Amino acid sequence: MSETDLSERVRSKIRDFPDFPKPGIVFKDITPIFSHHDTLKAVTEALSARYAAQNIDAVVGIESRGFLVGAPVAFHMGAGLVLVRKQGKLPGPVVRKTYDLEYGQDTLEIQEDALRPGMRVVVMDDLLATGGTMGATLELIRDQGVEVVEAAFLVELSFLNGREKLGDVDCHAIVVF
């Protein structure tokens, strides 16, 4: 399937919910992508093929929908899946990164032994909006000495300029609004 065909297939599954979670926001609901087997399979196969020759050691999935994107891709590629979660959700020693939100702060964590220096990783999340969460994740995992091959998303809201917060990391989105 071509990239254009995949993009159109995925786009056709996304639903808009105006004024959610607050007035003025148009929420892009991607859950139908996951409930439609053929679309989920196409996304998984396309992302797996994209990184097949890249010697990827692990897919880093960001809580929580990044797990849904990353897990089948990691499985399909024969790579590990590493979880980045919100503070207090992972057991054992963790490394954390606190970052600024529009109105406050949040903290992300990764288990201290989840990554090793020199590993090649792809970071996956469902959506790139303002780039805050992905930017914090990239800082967090780069501090572990890994090489980030690319940041991948199902959807990018390009009008929010999230890529600007990601520095020199290559990005790939299946659908761009």
Protein backbone atom coordinates (compact mmCIF):
# COMPACT_ATOMS: atom_id res chain seq x y z
CA MET A 1 0.00 0.00 0.00
CA SER A 2 1.36 3.42 -0.89
CA GLU A 3 1.93 6.09 1.76
CA THR A 4 -0.87 8.14 0.21
CA ASP A 5 -3.30 5.22 0.30
CA LEU A 6 -2.39 4.46 3.92
CA SER A 7 -2.78 8.11 4.87
CA GLU A 8 -6.23 8.24 3.29
CA ARG A 9 -7.29 4.98 4.95
CA VAL A 10 -6.18 6.20 8.38
CA ARG A 11 -7.69 9.66 7.82
CA SER A 12 -11.05 8.07 6.97
CA LYS A 13 -11.14 6.42 10.42
CA ILE A 14 -10.45 9.59 12.41
CA ARG A 15 -13.51 11.26 13.92
CA ASP A 16 -13.77 14.92 14.92
CA PHE A 17 -15.43 15.86 18.20
CA PRO A 18 -15.92 19.64 18.39
CA ASP A 19 -15.61 21.34 21.78
CA PHE A 20 -13.95 18.35 23.47
CA PRO A 21 -12.45 18.37 26.05
CA LYS A 22 -13.28 22.09 26.19
CA PRO A 23 -14.89 24.72 23.96
CA GLY A 24 -12.84 25.67 20.91
CA ILE A 25 -10.96 22.36 20.67
CA VAL A 26 -11.69 19.90 17.85
CA PHE A 27 -10.63 16.53 19.24
CA LYS A 28 -9.21 14.08 16.68
CA ASP A 29 -10.44 10.65 17.84
CA ILE A 30 -8.11 7.92 16.60
CA THR A 31 -9.70 5.01 18.48
CA PRO A 32 -11.48 3.71 15.36
CA ILE A 33 -8.04 3.02 13.85
CA PHE A 34 -7.41 0.47 16.58
CA SER A 35 -10.82 -1.16 16.33
CA HIS A 36 -10.58 -1.64 12.56
CA HIS A 37 -8.35 -4.68 11.99
CA ASP A 38 -7.36 -3.94 8.39
CA THR A 39 -6.34 -0.38 9.23
CA LEU A 40 -4.39 -1.39 12.34
CA LYS A 41 -2.66 -4.10 10.34
CA ALA A 42 -1.78 -1.67 7.53
CA VAL A 43 -0.36 0.87 10.02
CA THR A 44 1.66 -1.82 11.80
CA GLU A 45 3.05 -3.23 8.55
CA ALA A 46 3.91 0.20 7.14
CA LEU A 47 5.72 1.38 10.27
CA SER A 48 7.51 -1.96 10.64
CA ALA A 49 8.66 -1.83 7.01
CA ARG A 50 9.84 1.77 7.46
CA TYR A 51 12.29 0.70 10.19
CA ALA A 52 13.08 -2.87 9.05
CA ALA A 53 16.57 -2.03 7.78
CA GLN A 54 17.39 0.42 10.58
CA ASN A 55 18.70 -2.09 13.19
CA ILE A 56 16.17 -0.95 15.78
CA ASP A 57 16.75 -2.35 19.27
CA ALA A 58 13.56 -1.04 20.84
CA VAL A 59 10.42 0.94 20.20
CA VAL A 60 9.77 3.52 22.91
CA GLY A 61 6.04 3.99 23.45
CA ILE A 62 4.67 7.04 25.25
CA GLU A 63 1.75 6.64 27.65
CA SER A 64 -0.77 5.56 26.79
CA ARG A 65 -1.80 5.47 23.15
CA GLY A 66 1.84 5.31 22.14
CA PHE A 67 1.76 1.81 23.63
CA LEU A 68 -1.03 0.90 21.20
CA VAL A 69 1.02 2.08 18.24
CA GLY A 70 4.39 0.87 19.47
CA ALA A 71 3.57 -2.61 20.78
CA PRO A 72 2.45 -4.21 17.51
CA VAL A 73 5.29 -2.53 15.60
CA ALA A 74 7.89 -3.76 18.12
CA PHE A 75 6.42 -7.26 17.96
CA HIS A 76 6.34 -7.25 14.16
CA MET A 77 9.97 -6.05 13.96
CA GLY A 78 11.28 -8.42 16.64
CA ALA A 79 12.31 -5.47 18.82
CA GLY A 80 11.66 -4.69 22.46
CA LEU A 81 9.05 -2.24 23.72
CA VAL A 82 10.09 0.33 26.32
CA LEU A 83 7.43 2.28 28.19
CA VAL A 84 7.54 5.96 29.06
CA ARG A 85 4.88 6.63 31.68
CA LYS A 86 3.55 9.40 33.85
CA GLN A 87 5.07 9.75 37.30
CA GLY A 88 4.32 7.00 39.80
CA LYS A 89 3.20 4.34 37.31
CA LEU A 90 6.42 2.30 36.99
CA PRO A 91 7.94 0.13 39.75
CA GLY A 92 11.59 0.05 40.69
CA PRO A 93 14.24 2.67 40.13
CA VAL A 94 13.21 5.21 37.51
CA VAL A 95 14.66 8.18 35.69
CA ARG A 96 12.32 11.14 35.32
CA LYS A 97 11.91 14.35 33.37
CA THR A 98 9.61 17.19 34.41
CA TYR A 99 8.40 19.48 31.65
CA ASP A 100 6.11 22.47 31.25
CA LEU A 101 2.55 22.22 30.03
CA GLU A 102 0.31 25.04 28.89
CA TYR A 103 -0.98 25.44 32.48
CA GLY A 104 1.44 23.68 34.83
CA GLN A 105 3.92 20.81 34.71
CA ASP A 106 3.98 17.07 34.22
CA THR A 107 6.59 14.39 34.79
CA LEU A 108 7.50 11.38 32.66
CA GLU A 109 9.45 8.35 33.85
CA ILE A 110 11.28 5.38 32.41
CA GLN A 111 12.69 2.43 34.32
CA GLU A 112 16.36 3.01 35.01
CA ASP A 113 17.48 -0.19 33.26
CA ALA A 114 15.08 -0.09 30.29
CA LEU A 115 17.61 1.39 27.86
CA ARG A 116 21.34 0.95 27.42
CA PRO A 117 23.82 3.36 25.83
CA GLY A 118 24.17 2.78 22.12
CA MET A 119 20.71 1.32 21.56
CA ARG A 120 18.91 2.45 18.43
CA VAL A 121 15.28 3.35 19.09
CA VAL A 122 12.18 4.68 17.41
CA VAL A 123 9.85 6.70 19.62
CA MET A 124 6.13 6.29 18.92
CA ASP A 125 3.05 8.16 20.00
CA ASP A 126 -0.41 8.56 18.62
CA LEU A 127 -0.38 12.29 17.98
CA LEU A 128 2.04 15.19 17.68
CA ALA A 129 0.40 18.42 18.78
CA THR A 130 2.50 21.02 20.62
CA GLY A 131 5.47 18.66 21.03
CA GLY A 132 5.80 18.97 24.81
CA THR A 133 5.43 15.31 25.70
CA MET A 134 7.57 14.05 22.82
CA GLY A 135 10.21 16.69 23.51
CA ALA A 136 10.44 15.66 27.17
CA THR A 137 10.57 11.99 26.17
CA LEU A 138 13.41 12.64 23.74
CA GLU A 139 15.41 14.44 26.44
CA LEU A 140 14.70 11.65 28.91
CA ILE A 141 15.85 8.84 26.65
CA ARG A 142 18.79 10.68 25.10
CA ASP A 143 20.11 11.13 28.63
CA GLN A 144 20.29 7.31 28.65
CA GLY A 145 22.74 7.41 25.74
CA VAL A 146 20.48 5.98 23.04
CA GLU A 147 20.34 6.95 19.39
CA VAL A 148 16.91 8.14 18.33
CA VAL A 149 16.35 7.08 14.74
CA GLU A 150 12.99 8.82 14.38
CA ALA A 151 9.85 9.95 16.18
CA ALA A 152 6.72 8.44 14.60
CA PHE A 153 3.06 9.36 14.94
CA LEU A 154 -0.27 8.32 13.54
CA VAL A 155 -1.35 11.96 13.33
CA GLU A 156 0.40 15.32 13.33
CA LEU A 157 -1.43 18.59 13.91
CA SER A 158 1.10 20.68 11.97
CA PHE A 159 -0.62 23.99 12.73
CA LEU A 160 0.50 23.61 16.38
CA ASN A 161 4.19 23.55 15.32
CA GLY A 162 5.14 20.61 17.55
CA ARG A 163 8.13 19.65 15.40
CA GLU A 164 9.83 22.87 16.47
CA LYS A 165 10.20 21.49 20.02
CA LEU A 166 11.85 18.29 18.81
CA GLY A 167 15.09 19.79 17.56
CA ASP A 168 17.03 17.69 15.07
CA VAL A 169 14.97 14.51 15.41
CA ASP A 170 13.49 13.21 12.19
CA CYS A 171 9.71 12.85 12.38
CA HIS A 172 7.21 10.78 10.48
CA ALA A 173 3.42 11.06 10.64
CA ILE A 174 0.98 8.94 8.69
CA VAL A 175 -1.64 11.70 8.58
CA VAL A 176 -0.91 15.42 8.78
CA PHE A 177 -3.61 18.01 9.47
